[in-house]
Amino acid sequence: MTDLSLLNQVTAFISIEADMLDFEEYNEWLDLWSDTGVYVVPIDPQETDFANTLNYAYDKAEMRRLRVNRLLSGEAVSTQTTDKTVRGLSRFRILEDNDSHVTVRCAMYLSECRHGNLKSYPADVTYKLMKTDNDFRIEEKVIRLQNSDAYLSSIGYIL
């Protein structure tokens, strides 16, 4: 049986993260991460050995900071035409729970509006969250895009 209190807590945390990303609160988003956290967008959605394969993103702390700085500076060409993103999250499921971490999988449906064109990116997202005194820190976030093997135009935001 799922611990509904824990499920509600992780769902709220992940929903706040999505809201921060949709409203480009990237510096606040960085604060959600543990120092050792890894942000991964694999090319192959079946891949599990992220460190030894090619990924769209494999960001540890420094790379996340650089990505945020690039997005906020306006210097990245791909950021100059993105109007808005909206994330819909559903189907939350706790996969593992122990004293230090909880692993959660959910569905994400991201919509992007660029030049008046709407594009959609469905994905399964797995979070490994480190438990803190009264909250969580992201230890790993893996975004498995359903269309990852198709042509992806430049994405000027964090998935």
N, C-alpha and C. Protein backbone atom coordinates (compact mmCIF):
# COMPACT_ATOMS: atom_id res chain seq x y z
N MET A 1 0.84 -1.19 0.00
CA MET A 1 0.00 0.00 0.00
C MET A 1 0.88 1.24 0.00
N THR A 2 0.53 2.21 -0.81
CA THR A 2 1.29 3.46 -0.92
C THR A 2 1.03 4.35 0.29
N ASP A 3 2.08 4.94 0.81
CA ASP A 3 1.98 5.93 1.88
C ASP A 3 1.46 7.22 1.25
N LEU A 4 0.17 7.52 1.45
CA LEU A 4 -0.46 8.66 0.79
C LEU A 4 0.11 9.99 1.26
N SER A 5 0.54 10.06 2.51
CA SER A 5 1.16 11.29 3.01
C SER A 5 2.46 11.57 2.26
N LEU A 6 3.30 10.55 2.10
CA LEU A 6 4.55 10.71 1.37
C LEU A 6 4.27 11.02 -0.10
N LEU A 7 3.31 10.32 -0.70
CA LEU A 7 2.95 10.58 -2.09
C LEU A 7 2.52 12.03 -2.27
N ASN A 8 1.71 12.55 -1.36
CA ASN A 8 1.28 13.95 -1.44
C ASN A 8 2.46 14.90 -1.31
N GLN A 9 3.40 14.59 -0.43
CA GLN A 9 4.58 15.44 -0.24
C GLN A 9 5.45 15.48 -1.49
N VAL A 10 5.72 14.32 -2.08
CA VAL A 10 6.58 14.32 -3.27
C VAL A 10 5.85 14.92 -4.47
N THR A 11 4.56 14.69 -4.57
CA THR A 11 3.78 15.30 -5.65
C THR A 11 3.81 16.82 -5.55
N ALA A 12 3.67 17.35 -4.36
CA ALA A 12 3.73 18.80 -4.16
C ALA A 12 5.11 19.34 -4.52
N PHE A 13 6.17 18.65 -4.10
CA PHE A 13 7.54 19.08 -4.40
C PHE A 13 7.78 19.10 -5.91
N ILE A 14 7.38 18.04 -6.61
CA ILE A 14 7.60 17.94 -8.05
C ILE A 14 6.74 18.98 -8.79
N SER A 15 5.55 19.24 -8.30
CA SER A 15 4.69 20.26 -8.91
C SER A 15 5.29 21.66 -8.77
N ILE A 16 5.89 21.93 -7.63
CA ILE A 16 6.57 23.22 -7.43
C ILE A 16 7.75 23.34 -8.40
N GLU A 17 8.49 22.25 -8.57
CA GLU A 17 9.61 22.28 -9.51
C GLU A 17 9.11 22.60 -10.92
N ALA A 18 8.03 21.97 -11.35
CA ALA A 18 7.48 22.22 -12.69
C ALA A 18 7.04 23.68 -12.83
N ASP A 19 6.42 24.23 -11.80
CA ASP A 19 5.98 25.62 -11.83
C ASP A 19 7.19 26.55 -11.96
N MET A 20 8.26 26.28 -11.21
CA MET A 20 9.47 27.09 -11.30
C MET A 20 10.02 27.09 -12.72
N LEU A 21 10.04 25.92 -13.36
CA LEU A 21 10.57 25.83 -14.72
C LEU A 21 9.67 26.55 -15.72
N ASP A 22 8.36 26.39 -15.59
CA ASP A 22 7.44 27.07 -16.51
C ASP A 22 7.51 28.59 -16.38
N PHE A 23 7.82 29.07 -15.20
CA PHE A 23 7.89 30.52 -14.99
C PHE A 23 9.33 31.03 -14.93
N GLU A 24 10.26 30.20 -15.45
CA GLU A 24 11.66 30.56 -15.62
C GLU A 24 12.33 31.03 -14.33
N GLU A 25 11.97 30.41 -13.23
CA GLU A 25 12.61 30.69 -11.94
C GLU A 25 13.79 29.73 -11.78
N TYR A 26 14.76 29.87 -12.66
CA TYR A 26 15.84 28.90 -12.77
C TYR A 26 16.77 28.92 -11.56
N ASN A 27 17.07 30.08 -11.02
CA ASN A 27 17.95 30.12 -9.84
C ASN A 27 17.31 29.43 -8.65
N GLU A 28 16.00 29.63 -8.47
CA GLU A 28 15.29 28.94 -7.40
C GLU A 28 15.27 27.44 -7.66
N TRP A 29 15.15 27.06 -8.94
CA TRP A 29 15.18 25.65 -9.34
C TRP A 29 16.51 25.00 -8.94
N LEU A 30 17.61 25.73 -9.12
CA LEU A 30 18.91 25.20 -8.74
C LEU A 30 18.96 24.84 -7.25
N ASP A 31 18.25 25.60 -6.43
CA ASP A 31 18.23 25.35 -4.98
C ASP A 31 17.52 24.06 -4.60
N LEU A 32 16.76 23.47 -5.52
CA LEU A 32 16.05 22.23 -5.25
C LEU A 32 16.97 21.00 -5.32
N TRP A 33 18.18 21.19 -5.82
CA TRP A 33 19.08 20.07 -6.09
C TRP A 33 20.05 19.81 -4.96
N SER A 34 20.43 18.55 -4.80
CA SER A 34 21.54 18.22 -3.91
C SER A 34 22.83 18.58 -4.65
N ASP A 35 23.92 18.69 -3.92
CA ASP A 35 25.21 19.01 -4.53
C ASP A 35 25.67 17.94 -5.50
N THR A 36 25.23 16.72 -5.30
CA THR A 36 25.66 15.60 -6.15
C THR A 36 24.60 15.20 -7.18
N GLY A 37 23.53 15.97 -7.27
CA GLY A 37 22.42 15.63 -8.16
C GLY A 37 22.80 15.62 -9.63
N VAL A 38 22.09 14.79 -10.41
CA VAL A 38 22.34 14.66 -11.85
C VAL A 38 21.00 14.79 -12.59
N TYR A 39 21.01 15.66 -13.60
CA TYR A 39 19.87 15.90 -14.48
C TYR A 39 20.17 15.20 -15.80
N VAL A 40 19.29 14.27 -16.22
CA VAL A 40 19.58 13.44 -17.39
C VAL A 40 18.39 13.45 -18.35
N VAL A 41 18.71 13.65 -19.64
CA VAL A 41 17.74 13.46 -20.72
C VAL A 41 18.41 12.51 -21.71
N PRO A 42 18.15 11.20 -21.57
CA PRO A 42 18.82 10.24 -22.46
C PRO A 42 18.23 10.28 -23.88
N ILE A 43 19.06 9.99 -24.84
CA ILE A 43 18.58 9.87 -26.22
C ILE A 43 17.73 8.61 -26.36
N ASP A 44 18.23 7.52 -25.81
CA ASP A 44 17.51 6.25 -25.83
C ASP A 44 16.70 6.13 -24.54
N PRO A 45 15.37 6.13 -24.62
CA PRO A 45 14.56 6.09 -23.39
C PRO A 45 14.72 4.80 -22.58
N GLN A 46 15.33 3.77 -23.17
CA GLN A 46 15.55 2.51 -22.44
C GLN A 46 16.90 2.50 -21.72
N GLU A 47 17.75 3.48 -21.99
CA GLU A 47 19.10 3.51 -21.45
C GLU A 47 19.11 3.67 -19.93
N THR A 48 20.07 3.03 -19.29
CA THR A 48 20.24 3.17 -17.84
C THR A 48 21.67 3.56 -17.45
N ASP A 49 22.62 3.38 -18.36
CA ASP A 49 24.03 3.70 -18.09
C ASP A 49 24.33 5.10 -18.65
N PHE A 50 23.82 6.11 -17.98
CA PHE A 50 23.88 7.47 -18.50
C PHE A 50 25.30 8.02 -18.59
N ALA A 51 26.15 7.65 -17.66
CA ALA A 51 27.51 8.19 -17.62
C ALA A 51 28.35 7.71 -18.80
N ASN A 52 27.99 6.59 -19.39
CA ASN A 52 28.80 6.01 -20.47
C ASN A 52 28.10 5.99 -21.82
N THR A 53 27.05 6.79 -21.97
CA THR A 53 26.36 6.86 -23.25
C THR A 53 26.09 8.33 -23.59
N LEU A 54 25.74 8.57 -24.83
CA LEU A 54 25.43 9.92 -25.28
C LEU A 54 24.01 10.27 -24.85
N ASN A 55 23.85 11.47 -24.29
CA ASN A 55 22.55 11.95 -23.81
C ASN A 55 22.31 13.34 -24.35
N TYR A 56 21.04 13.75 -24.41
CA TYR A 56 20.74 15.15 -24.72
C TYR A 56 21.27 16.03 -23.59
N ALA A 57 21.17 15.56 -22.37
CA ALA A 57 21.69 16.29 -21.21
C ALA A 57 22.16 15.28 -20.18
N TYR A 58 23.28 15.59 -19.57
CA TYR A 58 23.81 14.83 -18.43
C TYR A 58 24.52 15.86 -17.57
N ASP A 59 23.74 16.54 -16.74
CA ASP A 59 24.24 17.71 -16.02
C ASP A 59 24.42 17.43 -14.54
N LYS A 60 25.65 17.62 -14.10
CA LYS A 60 25.92 17.66 -12.67
C LYS A 60 25.81 19.12 -12.26
N ALA A 61 26.16 19.44 -11.02
CA ALA A 61 25.90 20.78 -10.46
C ALA A 61 26.46 21.91 -11.32
N GLU A 62 27.71 21.82 -11.72
CA GLU A 62 28.33 22.92 -12.48
C GLU A 62 27.65 23.11 -13.83
N MET A 63 27.34 22.02 -14.51
CA MET A 63 26.69 22.13 -15.81
C MET A 63 25.27 22.69 -15.68
N ARG A 64 24.56 22.34 -14.60
CA ARG A 64 23.23 22.93 -14.38
C ARG A 64 23.35 24.44 -14.21
N ARG A 65 24.34 24.88 -13.43
CA ARG A 65 24.55 26.33 -13.25
C ARG A 65 24.87 27.01 -14.57
N LEU A 66 25.73 26.39 -15.36
CA LEU A 66 26.08 26.97 -16.67
C LEU A 66 24.86 27.03 -17.59
N ARG A 67 24.04 25.98 -17.57
CA ARG A 67 22.83 25.96 -18.40
C ARG A 67 21.89 27.09 -17.98
N VAL A 68 21.71 27.27 -16.69
CA VAL A 68 20.84 28.33 -16.19
C VAL A 68 21.41 29.71 -16.56
N ASN A 69 22.70 29.89 -16.38
CA ASN A 69 23.31 31.17 -16.75
C ASN A 69 23.12 31.48 -18.23
N ARG A 70 23.27 30.48 -19.07
CA ARG A 70 23.08 30.65 -20.52
C ARG A 70 21.63 31.02 -20.83
N LEU A 71 20.68 30.36 -20.19
CA LEU A 71 19.27 30.67 -20.42
C LEU A 71 18.91 32.08 -19.95
N LEU A 72 19.42 32.47 -18.80
CA LEU A 72 19.09 33.79 -18.25
C LEU A 72 19.81 34.93 -18.96
N SER A 73 20.96 34.64 -19.57
CA SER A 73 21.73 35.69 -20.24
C SER A 73 21.12 36.09 -21.58
N GLY A 74 20.33 35.20 -22.18
CA GLY A 74 19.78 35.47 -23.50
C GLY A 74 20.77 35.21 -24.62
N GLU A 75 21.95 34.71 -24.28
CA GLU A 75 22.98 34.48 -25.28
C GLU A 75 22.75 33.22 -26.11
N ALA A 76 21.99 32.28 -25.59
CA ALA A 76 21.71 31.06 -26.34
C ALA A 76 20.66 31.37 -27.41
N VAL A 77 20.99 31.08 -28.66
CA VAL A 77 20.09 31.37 -29.77
C VAL A 77 18.72 30.72 -29.56
N SER A 78 18.72 29.50 -29.03
CA SER A 78 17.46 28.77 -28.86
C SER A 78 16.54 29.41 -27.83
N THR A 79 17.07 30.28 -26.96
CA THR A 79 16.22 30.90 -25.93
C THR A 79 15.54 32.15 -26.43
N GLN A 80 15.92 32.65 -27.58
CA GLN A 80 15.42 33.93 -28.03
C GLN A 80 14.03 33.85 -28.65
N THR A 81 13.53 32.67 -28.93
CA THR A 81 12.23 32.57 -29.59
C THR A 81 11.22 31.72 -28.83
N THR A 82 11.57 31.22 -27.66
CA THR A 82 10.63 30.42 -26.89
C THR A 82 9.67 31.34 -26.17
N ASP A 83 8.38 31.17 -26.44
CA ASP A 83 7.39 32.02 -25.81
C ASP A 83 7.03 31.52 -24.41
N LYS A 84 6.67 30.24 -24.32
CA LYS A 84 6.15 29.74 -23.04
C LYS A 84 6.15 28.22 -23.05
N THR A 85 6.32 27.65 -21.87
CA THR A 85 6.14 26.21 -21.71
C THR A 85 5.10 25.97 -20.62
N VAL A 86 4.40 24.87 -20.75
CA VAL A 86 3.44 24.44 -19.74
C VAL A 86 3.63 22.94 -19.55
N ARG A 87 3.83 22.55 -18.28
CA ARG A 87 4.00 21.14 -17.95
C ARG A 87 2.75 20.63 -17.25
N GLY A 88 2.30 19.48 -17.70
CA GLY A 88 1.24 18.77 -17.00
C GLY A 88 1.84 17.50 -16.43
N LEU A 89 1.61 17.26 -15.16
CA LEU A 89 2.17 16.08 -14.49
C LEU A 89 1.04 15.20 -14.00
N SER A 90 1.25 13.89 -14.10
CA SER A 90 0.22 12.96 -13.64
C SER A 90 0.86 11.61 -13.35
N ARG A 91 0.02 10.70 -12.87
CA ARG A 91 0.39 9.30 -12.69
C ARG A 91 1.61 9.14 -11.79
N PHE A 92 1.58 9.76 -10.64
CA PHE A 92 2.70 9.67 -9.69
C PHE A 92 2.69 8.30 -9.01
N ARG A 93 3.87 7.71 -8.92
CA ARG A 93 4.00 6.39 -8.27
C ARG A 93 5.33 6.31 -7.53
N ILE A 94 5.28 5.96 -6.28
CA ILE A 94 6.49 5.75 -5.50
C ILE A 94 7.05 4.38 -5.86
N LEU A 95 8.28 4.36 -6.35
CA LEU A 95 8.93 3.11 -6.74
C LEU A 95 9.77 2.52 -5.61
N GLU A 96 10.33 3.42 -4.79
CA GLU A 96 11.19 2.98 -3.69
C GLU A 96 11.16 4.03 -2.60
N ASP A 97 11.21 3.58 -1.36
CA ASP A 97 11.23 4.48 -0.22
C ASP A 97 12.09 3.85 0.86
N ASN A 98 13.13 4.59 1.29
CA ASN A 98 13.94 4.13 2.41
C ASN A 98 14.23 5.32 3.32
N ASP A 99 15.10 5.16 4.27
CA ASP A 99 15.36 6.22 5.25
C ASP A 99 15.94 7.48 4.63
N SER A 100 16.69 7.36 3.54
CA SER A 100 17.39 8.53 2.99
C SER A 100 16.82 9.06 1.67
N HIS A 101 16.13 8.21 0.90
CA HIS A 101 15.66 8.61 -0.42
C HIS A 101 14.27 8.05 -0.72
N VAL A 102 13.62 8.72 -1.65
CA VAL A 102 12.39 8.20 -2.22
C VAL A 102 12.51 8.36 -3.74
N THR A 103 12.14 7.31 -4.47
CA THR A 103 12.17 7.35 -5.93
C THR A 103 10.74 7.35 -6.43
N VAL A 104 10.46 8.31 -7.32
CA VAL A 104 9.10 8.53 -7.82
C VAL A 104 9.13 8.59 -9.34
N ARG A 105 8.13 7.99 -9.96
CA ARG A 105 7.97 8.10 -11.41
C ARG A 105 6.64 8.77 -11.69
N CYS A 106 6.64 9.64 -12.72
CA CYS A 106 5.39 10.29 -13.12
C CYS A 106 5.42 10.51 -14.63
N ALA A 107 4.28 10.89 -15.15
CA ALA A 107 4.17 11.26 -16.56
C ALA A 107 4.24 12.77 -16.65
N MET A 108 4.91 13.26 -17.69
CA MET A 108 4.96 14.70 -17.95
C MET A 108 4.56 14.93 -19.39
N TYR A 109 3.72 15.92 -19.58
CA TYR A 109 3.33 16.34 -20.91
C TYR A 109 3.71 17.80 -21.00
N LEU A 110 4.78 18.09 -21.75
CA LEU A 110 5.27 19.46 -21.86
C LEU A 110 4.83 20.04 -23.20
N SER A 111 4.22 21.21 -23.14
CA SER A 111 3.84 21.93 -24.36
C SER A 111 4.70 23.17 -24.48
N GLU A 112 5.16 23.42 -25.69
CA GLU A 112 6.00 24.58 -25.97
C GLU A 112 5.35 25.38 -27.08
N CYS A 113 5.29 26.69 -26.90
CA CYS A 113 4.80 27.57 -27.96
C CYS A 113 5.97 28.41 -28.45
N ARG A 114 6.33 28.24 -29.71
CA ARG A 114 7.44 28.98 -30.32
C ARG A 114 7.00 29.47 -31.68
N HIS A 115 7.14 30.74 -31.92
CA HIS A 115 6.69 31.36 -33.18
C HIS A 115 5.23 31.05 -33.47
N GLY A 116 4.42 30.91 -32.43
CA GLY A 116 3.01 30.61 -32.60
C GLY A 116 2.72 29.15 -32.89
N ASN A 117 3.75 28.32 -32.94
CA ASN A 117 3.58 26.89 -33.19
C ASN A 117 3.64 26.14 -31.87
N LEU A 118 2.69 25.25 -31.68
CA LEU A 118 2.63 24.46 -30.46
C LEU A 118 3.25 23.09 -30.70
N LYS A 119 4.23 22.73 -29.85
CA LYS A 119 4.85 21.41 -29.92
C LYS A 119 4.66 20.74 -28.58
N SER A 120 4.58 19.42 -28.62
CA SER A 120 4.36 18.65 -27.40
C SER A 120 5.47 17.62 -27.21
N TYR A 121 5.84 17.45 -25.96
CA TYR A 121 6.88 16.48 -25.59
C TYR A 121 6.38 15.63 -24.43
N PRO A 122 5.79 14.46 -24.72
CA PRO A 122 5.40 13.56 -23.63
C PRO A 122 6.63 12.81 -23.11
N ALA A 123 6.64 12.56 -21.81
CA ALA A 123 7.79 11.89 -21.21
C ALA A 123 7.41 11.17 -19.93
N ASP A 124 8.18 10.16 -19.61
CA ASP A 124 8.16 9.55 -18.29
C ASP A 124 9.34 10.15 -17.54
N VAL A 125 9.10 10.59 -16.31
CA VAL A 125 10.15 11.23 -15.53
C VAL A 125 10.32 10.47 -14.23
N THR A 126 11.57 10.15 -13.91
CA THR A 126 11.87 9.48 -12.66
C THR A 126 12.74 10.41 -11.81
N TYR A 127 12.32 10.60 -10.57
CA TYR A 127 13.04 11.43 -9.61
C TYR A 127 13.56 10.54 -8.49
N LYS A 128 14.82 10.73 -8.16
CA LYS A 128 15.35 10.17 -6.92
C LYS A 128 15.54 11.38 -6.00
N LEU A 129 14.74 11.42 -4.94
CA LEU A 129 14.74 12.56 -4.04
C LEU A 129 15.40 12.20 -2.72
N MET A 130 16.35 13.03 -2.31
CA MET A 130 17.00 12.87 -1.03
C MET A 130 16.09 13.50 0.04
N LYS A 131 15.85 12.76 1.09
CA LYS A 131 15.03 13.28 2.18
C LYS A 131 15.89 14.21 3.05
N THR A 132 15.34 15.38 3.38
CA THR A 132 16.00 16.29 4.30
C THR A 132 15.10 16.40 5.53
N ASP A 133 15.43 17.29 6.44
CA ASP A 133 14.66 17.40 7.69
C ASP A 133 13.16 17.60 7.44
N ASN A 134 12.81 18.47 6.50
CA ASN A 134 11.39 18.72 6.28
C ASN A 134 11.04 18.90 4.81
N ASP A 135 11.92 18.43 3.91
CA ASP A 135 11.67 18.60 2.49
C ASP A 135 12.49 17.56 1.71
N PHE A 136 12.76 17.86 0.45
CA PHE A 136 13.53 16.97 -0.41
C PHE A 136 14.56 17.79 -1.18
N ARG A 137 15.55 17.10 -1.70
CA ARG A 137 16.49 17.65 -2.67
C ARG A 137 16.57 16.62 -3.79
N ILE A 138 16.66 17.13 -5.03
CA ILE A 138 16.73 16.23 -6.18
C ILE A 138 18.13 15.64 -6.28
N GLU A 139 18.20 14.33 -6.23
CA GLU A 139 19.47 13.61 -6.38
C GLU A 139 19.64 13.15 -7.82
N GLU A 140 18.54 12.83 -8.48
CA GLU A 140 18.59 12.45 -9.89
C GLU A 140 17.22 12.70 -10.50
N LYS A 141 17.24 13.28 -11.69
CA LYS A 141 16.01 13.47 -12.47
C LYS A 141 16.30 12.97 -13.87
N VAL A 142 15.53 11.95 -14.30
CA VAL A 142 15.72 11.35 -15.62
C VAL A 142 14.44 11.57 -16.42
N ILE A 143 14.57 12.26 -17.54
CA ILE A 143 13.43 12.58 -18.41
C ILE A 143 13.54 11.71 -19.65
N ARG A 144 12.64 10.73 -19.75
CA ARG A 144 12.64 9.81 -20.88
C ARG A 144 11.57 10.26 -21.88
N LEU A 145 12.02 11.09 -22.84
CA LEU A 145 11.12 11.60 -23.86
C LEU A 145 10.58 10.46 -24.72
N GLN A 146 9.28 10.46 -24.96
CA GLN A 146 8.69 9.40 -25.76
C GLN A 146 9.11 9.49 -27.22
N ASN A 147 9.44 10.69 -27.68
CA ASN A 147 9.87 10.87 -29.06
C ASN A 147 11.35 11.22 -29.14
N SER A 148 12.15 10.69 -28.22
CA SER A 148 13.56 11.07 -28.13
C SER A 148 14.38 10.63 -29.34
N ASP A 149 13.93 9.60 -30.04
CA ASP A 149 14.68 9.15 -31.20
C ASP A 149 14.24 9.85 -32.49
N ALA A 150 13.26 10.73 -32.40
CA ALA A 150 12.81 11.51 -33.55
C ALA A 150 13.61 12.81 -33.60
N TYR A 151 13.40 13.56 -34.64
CA TYR A 151 14.07 14.86 -34.76
C TYR A 151 13.54 15.79 -33.68
N LEU A 152 14.45 16.37 -32.91
CA LEU A 152 14.08 17.37 -31.90
C LEU A 152 14.71 18.69 -32.29
N SER A 153 13.88 19.72 -32.44
CA SER A 153 14.43 21.03 -32.73
C SER A 153 15.11 21.55 -31.47
N SER A 154 15.84 22.62 -31.58
CA SER A 154 16.56 23.14 -30.42
C SER A 154 15.58 23.51 -29.33
N ILE A 155 15.89 23.08 -28.14
CA ILE A 155 15.04 23.34 -26.97
C ILE A 155 15.74 24.39 -26.14
N GLY A 156 15.06 25.53 -25.93
CA GLY A 156 15.65 26.65 -25.23
C GLY A 156 15.16 26.77 -23.80
N TYR A 157 15.00 25.67 -23.12
CA TYR A 157 14.53 25.68 -21.74
C TYR A 157 14.96 24.37 -21.11
N ILE A 158 14.70 24.24 -19.85
CA ILE A 158 15.01 23.01 -19.12
C ILE A 158 13.77 22.13 -19.13
N LEU A 159 13.92 20.89 -19.53
CA LEU A 159 12.77 19.98 -19.61
C LEU A 159 12.21 19.66 -18.26
